[in-house]
Amino acid sequence: MRPAAEAFYGTIRLIRRFEERCIDLVRSGDIGSGIHPCIGQEAVAAGMCAALRPDDALLSNHRGHGHFLARGSDPGRFLAELTGRVGGVDKGRAGSFHPSDLSAGIWGASGTVGHGAAIATGLGWALARDGDRIAVSVFGDGAVTQGALLESFNLASLWRVPVVFVCENNGYATTLPAPTAIAGSVVGRAAAFGIPASTVDGQDPEVVYDAMAAAVDRARSGGGPSLVEFTTYRYEGHHTFERRMRLAYRDEAEVARWRERDPLAIQAARVPPDVREAVDAEVEEVLDAAVRFALESPHPDPADAFDHLYATPVRLRAGVSHA
């Protein structure tokens, strides 16, 4: 059943304000790596994740903060991860590029585009051997020419793996316009492997949910993989470094056109003003607490750098110490 309008609004508002808080923390130096903001793409995360069960598995990507929050990752612990603190979901070791949160059903995020699809395909195949859980792989348009993605399509189709491939097509691979890099189409690649595929409006969370729910139902019922391409847009740069470099690869009129279809505004129009005000206030309280938790959490001890890397302790060469 599709969630209530205010639930979608709350998720989108949380993601939007979380990303804006993160940008502030990048400016202050508390997030040292910078981030890939998903501002403008929140409807995909909200609608996609609402169609999943808590025990389904999702593989995210480098622009995945919204996926984590929409899946229920704790904002404080997730923000602590981005600031490199031990209170983070991965003890400050993964940062913005490679986080995971198994408590929220997110099995990882790949900083190299397209490679999460191979993990999701294998994971989906394993899940199918014991129940009806499914796997989801999220990637951008910049990943659709990657060999690992196409190999994943092939195996997923051959083995009828319960996996949904989700392409968040925001029109640009870093600064490269998608039409200049992609021969043919995104959905055509899936069709070549016999995988049902569709292109859907990614700015409306209710439309996203309906499309995703159909793909999830197909996978869960044994129908095999699907691909859903969501057309969307990022209002910020590819990475926060663009704020310093002032790269000029998008026309201002283009950005303005997409802002007319802001997912936050689309969903806000479906929610009464008093409800929106209450949701907005709650989001600010949650994020105030998240920032406090993150910045009060300690930094990792360099002496623990080898922890959680190997099943057995690392034996160093004679004369070499952890220090």
Protein backbone atom coordinates (compact mmCIF):
# COMPACT_ATOMS: atom_id res chain seq x y z
CA MET A 1 0.00 0.00 0.00
CA ARG A 2 1.31 3.43 -0.95
CA PRO A 3 2.36 5.47 2.14
CA ALA A 4 0.40 8.55 3.19
CA ALA A 5 1.30 11.86 1.57
CA GLU A 6 2.74 13.26 4.79
CA ALA A 7 5.04 10.25 5.15
CA PHE A 8 6.58 10.90 1.73
CA TYR A 9 6.85 14.59 2.55
CA GLY A 10 8.61 13.81 5.82
CA THR A 11 11.17 11.58 4.13
CA ILE A 12 11.91 14.08 1.38
CA ARG A 13 12.15 16.95 3.86
CA LEU A 14 14.51 14.94 6.08
CA ILE A 15 16.80 14.12 3.15
CA ARG A 16 16.79 17.69 1.85
CA ARG A 17 17.64 19.25 5.18
CA PHE A 18 20.16 16.51 6.02
CA GLU A 19 22.06 17.26 2.82
CA GLU A 20 21.95 21.00 3.47
CA ARG A 21 23.32 20.41 6.99
CA CYS A 22 26.06 18.24 5.46
CA ILE A 23 27.05 21.04 3.09
CA ASP A 24 27.41 23.32 6.11
CA LEU A 25 29.62 20.72 7.79
CA VAL A 26 31.76 20.45 4.65
CA ARG A 27 32.26 24.22 4.78
CA SER A 28 33.22 24.06 8.45
CA GLY A 29 35.69 21.24 7.78
CA ASP A 30 33.86 18.70 9.93
CA ILE A 31 33.20 16.53 6.86
CA GLY A 32 36.66 16.39 5.39
CA SER A 33 35.93 14.38 2.26
CA GLY A 34 33.13 16.55 0.92
CA ILE A 35 29.95 14.89 -0.34
CA HIS A 36 27.96 14.15 -3.48
CA PRO A 37 24.64 15.88 -2.60
CA CYS A 38 21.39 14.29 -3.73
CA ILE A 39 19.37 17.51 -3.42
CA GLY A 40 16.73 17.35 -6.15
CA GLN A 41 16.70 13.56 -6.31
CA GLU A 42 14.96 12.86 -3.00
CA ALA A 43 11.75 11.51 -4.55
CA VAL A 44 13.60 8.49 -5.94
CA ALA A 45 14.93 7.50 -2.52
CA ALA A 46 11.58 8.10 -0.82
CA GLY A 47 9.44 6.19 -3.31
CA MET A 48 11.92 3.40 -3.97
CA CYS A 49 12.61 2.55 -0.35
CA ALA A 50 8.94 2.70 0.61
CA ALA A 51 8.31 -0.17 -1.80
CA LEU A 52 10.80 -2.44 -0.02
CA ARG A 53 10.45 -4.65 3.03
CA PRO A 54 12.81 -4.09 5.96
CA ASP A 55 14.53 -7.42 5.25
CA ASP A 56 15.23 -6.67 1.57
CA ALA A 57 18.80 -5.75 0.62
CA LEU A 58 19.88 -2.54 -1.08
CA LEU A 59 23.25 -1.66 -2.62
CA SER A 60 23.71 2.11 -2.76
CA ASN A 61 26.21 4.35 -4.55
CA HIS A 62 28.28 7.48 -3.99
CA ARG A 63 25.19 9.74 -4.03
CA GLY A 64 23.36 7.60 -1.52
CA HIS A 65 22.63 9.61 1.62
CA GLY A 66 18.95 9.70 0.72
CA HIS A 67 18.82 5.93 0.35
CA PHE A 68 20.14 5.45 3.89
CA LEU A 69 17.72 7.91 5.45
CA ALA A 70 14.73 6.59 3.49
CA ARG A 71 15.59 3.06 4.64
CA GLY A 72 15.59 4.19 8.26
CA SER A 73 19.27 4.62 9.04
CA ASP A 74 19.68 6.66 12.23
CA PRO A 75 20.49 10.26 11.18
CA GLY A 76 22.87 10.80 14.09
CA ARG A 77 24.91 7.66 13.52
CA PHE A 78 24.91 8.23 9.76
CA LEU A 79 26.11 11.81 10.16
CA ALA A 80 28.77 10.60 12.59
CA GLU A 81 29.97 8.30 9.82
CA LEU A 82 30.28 11.18 7.39
CA THR A 83 32.31 13.14 9.95
CA GLY A 84 34.62 10.15 10.53
CA ARG A 85 33.63 9.47 14.14
CA VAL A 86 33.52 6.16 16.01
CA GLY A 87 29.80 6.65 16.64
CA GLY A 88 29.15 6.22 12.93
CA VAL A 89 27.32 3.32 11.33
CA ASP A 90 30.72 1.94 10.27
CA LYS A 91 32.72 3.39 13.15
CA GLY A 92 33.92 6.27 10.99
CA ARG A 93 35.78 4.01 8.56
CA ALA A 94 33.56 4.32 5.48
CA GLY A 95 32.67 7.98 5.28
CA SER A 96 30.34 9.25 2.57
CA PHE A 97 31.66 7.03 -0.21
CA HIS A 98 31.44 3.49 1.15
CA PRO A 99 29.00 3.28 4.07
CA SER A 100 26.82 0.32 4.95
CA ASP A 101 24.10 -0.14 7.53
CA LEU A 102 22.80 -3.68 7.82
CA SER A 103 20.30 -2.56 10.46
CA ALA A 104 18.62 -0.56 7.68
CA GLY A 105 19.03 -3.25 5.03
CA ILE A 106 21.82 -1.45 3.15
CA TRP A 107 24.65 -3.82 2.37
CA GLY A 108 27.09 -1.23 1.13
CA ALA A 109 27.74 1.67 -1.21
CA SER A 110 30.22 1.63 -4.05
CA GLY A 111 32.34 4.65 -4.86
CA THR A 112 33.18 3.07 -8.22
CA VAL A 113 30.14 3.38 -10.45
CA GLY A 114 28.16 0.31 -11.46
CA HIS A 115 29.97 -2.25 -9.37
CA GLY A 116 27.28 -2.54 -6.73
CA ALA A 117 25.16 -4.27 -9.38
CA ALA A 118 27.39 -7.34 -9.34
CA ILE A 119 27.16 -7.57 -5.56
CA ALA A 120 23.37 -7.11 -5.66
CA THR A 121 23.03 -9.84 -8.28
CA GLY A 122 25.00 -12.32 -6.22
CA LEU A 123 23.18 -11.30 -3.09
CA GLY A 124 19.80 -11.63 -4.79
CA TRP A 125 20.72 -15.10 -6.03
CA ALA A 126 21.68 -16.14 -2.49
CA LEU A 127 18.51 -14.66 -0.99
CA ALA A 128 16.35 -16.57 -3.49
CA ARG A 129 17.65 -19.85 -2.09
CA ASP A 130 16.03 -19.15 1.26
CA GLY A 131 12.78 -17.18 1.11
CA ASP A 132 11.40 -14.29 -0.91
CA ARG A 133 13.71 -11.41 -0.04
CA ILE A 134 14.97 -9.34 -2.96
CA ALA A 135 18.00 -7.19 -3.74
CA VAL A 136 18.15 -3.71 -5.27
CA SER A 137 21.09 -2.05 -6.99
CA VAL A 138 21.10 1.74 -7.42
CA PHE A 139 23.40 3.47 -9.89
CA GLY A 140 23.51 6.60 -12.02
CA ASP A 141 23.56 7.18 -15.75
CA GLY A 142 27.36 7.30 -15.61
CA ALA A 143 27.38 3.59 -14.79
CA VAL A 144 25.45 2.25 -17.75
CA THR A 145 28.53 1.72 -19.92
CA GLN A 146 30.38 -0.21 -17.22
CA GLY A 147 31.16 -3.83 -18.01
CA ALA A 148 30.36 -5.00 -14.49
CA LEU A 149 26.81 -3.70 -14.86
CA LEU A 150 26.23 -5.46 -18.17
CA GLU A 151 27.69 -8.70 -16.81
CA SER A 152 25.26 -8.39 -13.91
CA PHE A 153 22.35 -7.98 -16.33
CA ASN A 154 23.43 -11.15 -18.12
CA LEU A 155 23.64 -13.36 -15.02
CA ALA A 156 20.52 -11.86 -13.44
CA SER A 157 18.53 -12.67 -16.57
CA LEU A 158 19.98 -16.15 -17.03
CA TRP A 159 19.34 -17.14 -13.43
CA ARG A 160 16.10 -15.16 -12.97
CA VAL A 161 17.61 -13.43 -9.96
CA PRO A 162 15.17 -11.44 -7.75
CA VAL A 163 16.98 -8.13 -8.23
CA VAL A 164 15.73 -4.70 -9.26
CA PHE A 165 18.22 -2.47 -11.05
CA VAL A 166 17.50 1.22 -10.43
CA CYS A 167 19.11 3.91 -12.58
CA GLU A 168 18.91 7.43 -11.18
CA ASN A 169 19.45 9.30 -14.44
CA ASN A 170 20.19 12.88 -13.43
CA GLY A 171 21.49 13.75 -16.88
CA TYR A 172 25.17 14.07 -16.05
CA ALA A 173 28.10 11.78 -15.31
CA THR A 174 30.12 14.27 -13.26
CA THR A 175 30.08 17.05 -15.89
CA LEU A 176 29.46 14.93 -19.00
CA PRO A 177 25.92 15.12 -20.40
CA ALA A 178 24.38 11.66 -20.62
CA PRO A 179 23.49 11.86 -24.35
CA THR A 180 27.14 12.43 -25.25
CA ALA A 181 28.25 9.29 -23.40
CA ILE A 182 25.44 6.76 -23.88
CA ALA A 183 24.89 5.12 -27.27
CA GLY A 184 21.30 3.96 -27.48
CA SER A 185 19.31 4.13 -24.25
CA VAL A 186 19.47 2.95 -20.65
CA VAL A 187 16.37 0.77 -20.95
CA GLY A 188 17.65 -0.65 -24.23
CA ARG A 189 20.62 -2.16 -22.46
CA ALA A 190 18.35 -4.13 -20.14
CA ALA A 191 16.08 -5.15 -23.02
CA ALA A 192 19.08 -6.65 -24.81
CA PHE A 193 19.32 -9.17 -21.97
CA GLY A 194 15.60 -9.89 -21.88
CA ILE A 195 15.05 -7.77 -18.78
CA PRO A 196 11.82 -5.74 -18.60
CA ALA A 197 12.66 -2.04 -18.32
CA SER A 198 10.82 1.25 -18.09
CA THR A 199 11.59 4.97 -17.88
CA VAL A 200 9.66 6.79 -15.14
CA ASP A 201 9.35 10.32 -13.73
CA GLY A 202 11.73 10.47 -10.78
CA GLN A 203 10.54 13.77 -9.35
CA ASP A 204 7.22 12.50 -7.99
CA PRO A 205 7.57 10.04 -5.08
CA GLU A 206 4.15 8.51 -5.68
CA VAL A 207 4.99 7.75 -9.31
CA VAL A 208 8.33 6.33 -8.18
CA TYR A 209 6.63 4.14 -5.60
CA ASP A 210 4.13 2.70 -8.07
CA ALA A 211 6.84 1.80 -10.59
CA MET A 212 9.13 0.36 -7.95
CA ALA A 213 6.36 -1.64 -6.30
CA ALA A 214 5.59 -3.34 -9.62
CA ALA A 215 9.26 -4.26 -10.14
CA VAL A 216 9.56 -5.50 -6.56
CA ASP A 217 6.43 -7.65 -6.90
CA ARG A 218 7.83 -9.19 -10.09
CA ALA A 219 11.12 -10.06 -8.40
CA ARG A 220 9.50 -11.38 -5.23
CA SER A 221 7.07 -13.61 -7.14
CA GLY A 222 9.83 -15.31 -9.13
CA GLY A 223 9.53 -13.23 -12.30
CA GLY A 224 13.18 -12.30 -12.35
CA PRO A 225 14.98 -8.98 -12.67
CA SER A 226 13.70 -5.61 -13.83
CA LEU A 227 15.27 -2.24 -14.54
CA VAL A 228 13.61 1.06 -13.71
CA GLU A 229 15.19 4.26 -15.00
CA PHE A 230 14.10 7.29 -13.01
CA THR A 231 14.64 10.62 -14.75
CA THR A 232 15.71 13.13 -12.12
CA TYR A 233 18.06 16.05 -11.55
CA ARG A 234 20.58 17.20 -8.99
CA TYR A 235 20.35 20.87 -8.09
CA GLU A 236 23.83 20.96 -6.57
CA GLY A 237 27.08 20.08 -8.28
CA HIS A 238 28.42 16.58 -8.77
CA HIS A 239 30.48 17.07 -5.61
CA THR A 240 30.81 19.89 -3.12
CA PHE A 241 34.20 20.76 -4.62
CA GLU A 242 32.28 22.41 -7.45
CA ARG A 243 31.37 25.25 -5.12
CA ARG A 244 35.04 26.28 -5.17
CA MET A 245 35.80 25.45 -8.80
CA ARG A 246 32.71 27.17 -10.24
CA LEU A 247 32.43 24.72 -13.13
CA ALA A 248 30.13 25.92 -15.89
CA TYR A 249 28.65 22.94 -17.69
CA ARG A 250 24.92 23.47 -17.09
CA ASP A 251 22.75 26.24 -18.41
CA GLU A 252 21.01 28.25 -15.68
CA ALA A 253 17.74 28.00 -17.58
CA GLU A 254 18.02 24.20 -17.48
CA VAL A 255 18.45 24.19 -13.72
CA ALA A 256 15.52 26.59 -13.36
CA ARG A 257 13.27 24.32 -15.45
CA TRP A 258 14.04 21.35 -13.21
CA ARG A 259 13.50 23.44 -10.08
CA GLU A 260 9.94 23.94 -11.26
CA ARG A 261 9.51 20.22 -10.55
CA ASP A 262 11.19 20.19 -7.15
CA PRO A 263 10.13 16.93 -5.45
CA LEU A 264 9.82 18.72 -2.12
CA ALA A 265 7.37 21.21 -3.59
CA ILE A 266 5.46 18.49 -5.45
CA GLN A 267 4.87 16.54 -2.27
CA ALA A 268 4.32 19.62 -0.11
CA ALA A 269 1.32 20.50 -2.28
CA ARG A 270 -0.35 17.26 -1.16
CA VAL A 271 0.01 17.96 2.57
CA PRO A 272 -1.99 20.50 4.63
CA PRO A 273 0.09 23.52 5.78
CA ASP A 274 -0.27 22.76 9.48
CA VAL A 275 0.94 19.20 8.95
CA ARG A 276 3.90 20.46 6.93
CA GLU A 277 4.87 22.88 9.68
CA ALA A 278 4.78 20.12 12.27
CA VAL A 279 6.88 17.81 10.06
CA ASP A 280 9.39 20.59 9.36
CA ALA A 281 9.80 21.31 13.05
CA GLU A 282 10.30 17.64 13.86
CA VAL A 283 12.91 17.29 11.13
CA GLU A 284 14.89 20.22 12.54
CA GLU A 285 14.81 18.70 16.01
CA VAL A 286 16.03 15.37 14.66
CA LEU A 287 18.85 17.01 12.74
CA ASP A 288 19.88 19.27 15.63
CA ALA A 289 20.27 16.13 17.74
CA ALA A 290 22.08 14.35 14.88
CA VAL A 291 24.66 17.11 14.52
CA ARG A 292 25.27 17.18 18.28
CA PHE A 293 25.72 13.41 18.39
CA ALA A 294 28.08 13.39 15.42
CA LEU A 295 30.33 16.19 16.61
CA GLU A 296 30.45 14.92 20.19
CA SER A 297 31.44 11.43 19.08
CA PRO A 298 35.20 10.80 19.35
CA HIS A 299 37.56 10.41 16.43
CA PRO A 300 38.99 6.91 15.82
CA ASP A 301 42.24 5.91 17.47
CA PRO A 302 44.94 5.36 14.80
CA ALA A 303 46.13 2.37 16.80
CA ASP A 304 42.89 0.60 15.82
CA ALA A 305 43.39 1.10 12.09
CA PHE A 306 43.72 -2.62 11.35
CA ASP A 307 40.60 -3.61 13.29
CA HIS A 308 37.67 -5.04 11.30
CA LEU A 309 39.81 -5.63 8.21
CA TYR A 310 40.78 -9.28 8.60
CA ALA A 311 39.32 -12.31 10.34
CA THR A 312 42.67 -12.93 12.00
CA PRO A 313 45.08 -10.33 13.40
CA VAL A 314 47.64 -8.82 11.07
CA ARG A 315 51.18 -9.95 11.85
CA LEU A 316 53.60 -7.15 11.02
CA ARG A 317 57.17 -7.63 9.82
CA ALA A 318 59.91 -7.52 12.41
CA GLY A 319 60.77 -3.95 13.27
CA VAL A 320 57.39 -2.56 12.19
CA SER A 321 54.85 -1.29 14.69
CA HIS A 322 51.28 -0.02 14.47
CA ALA A 323 52.56 3.40 15.49
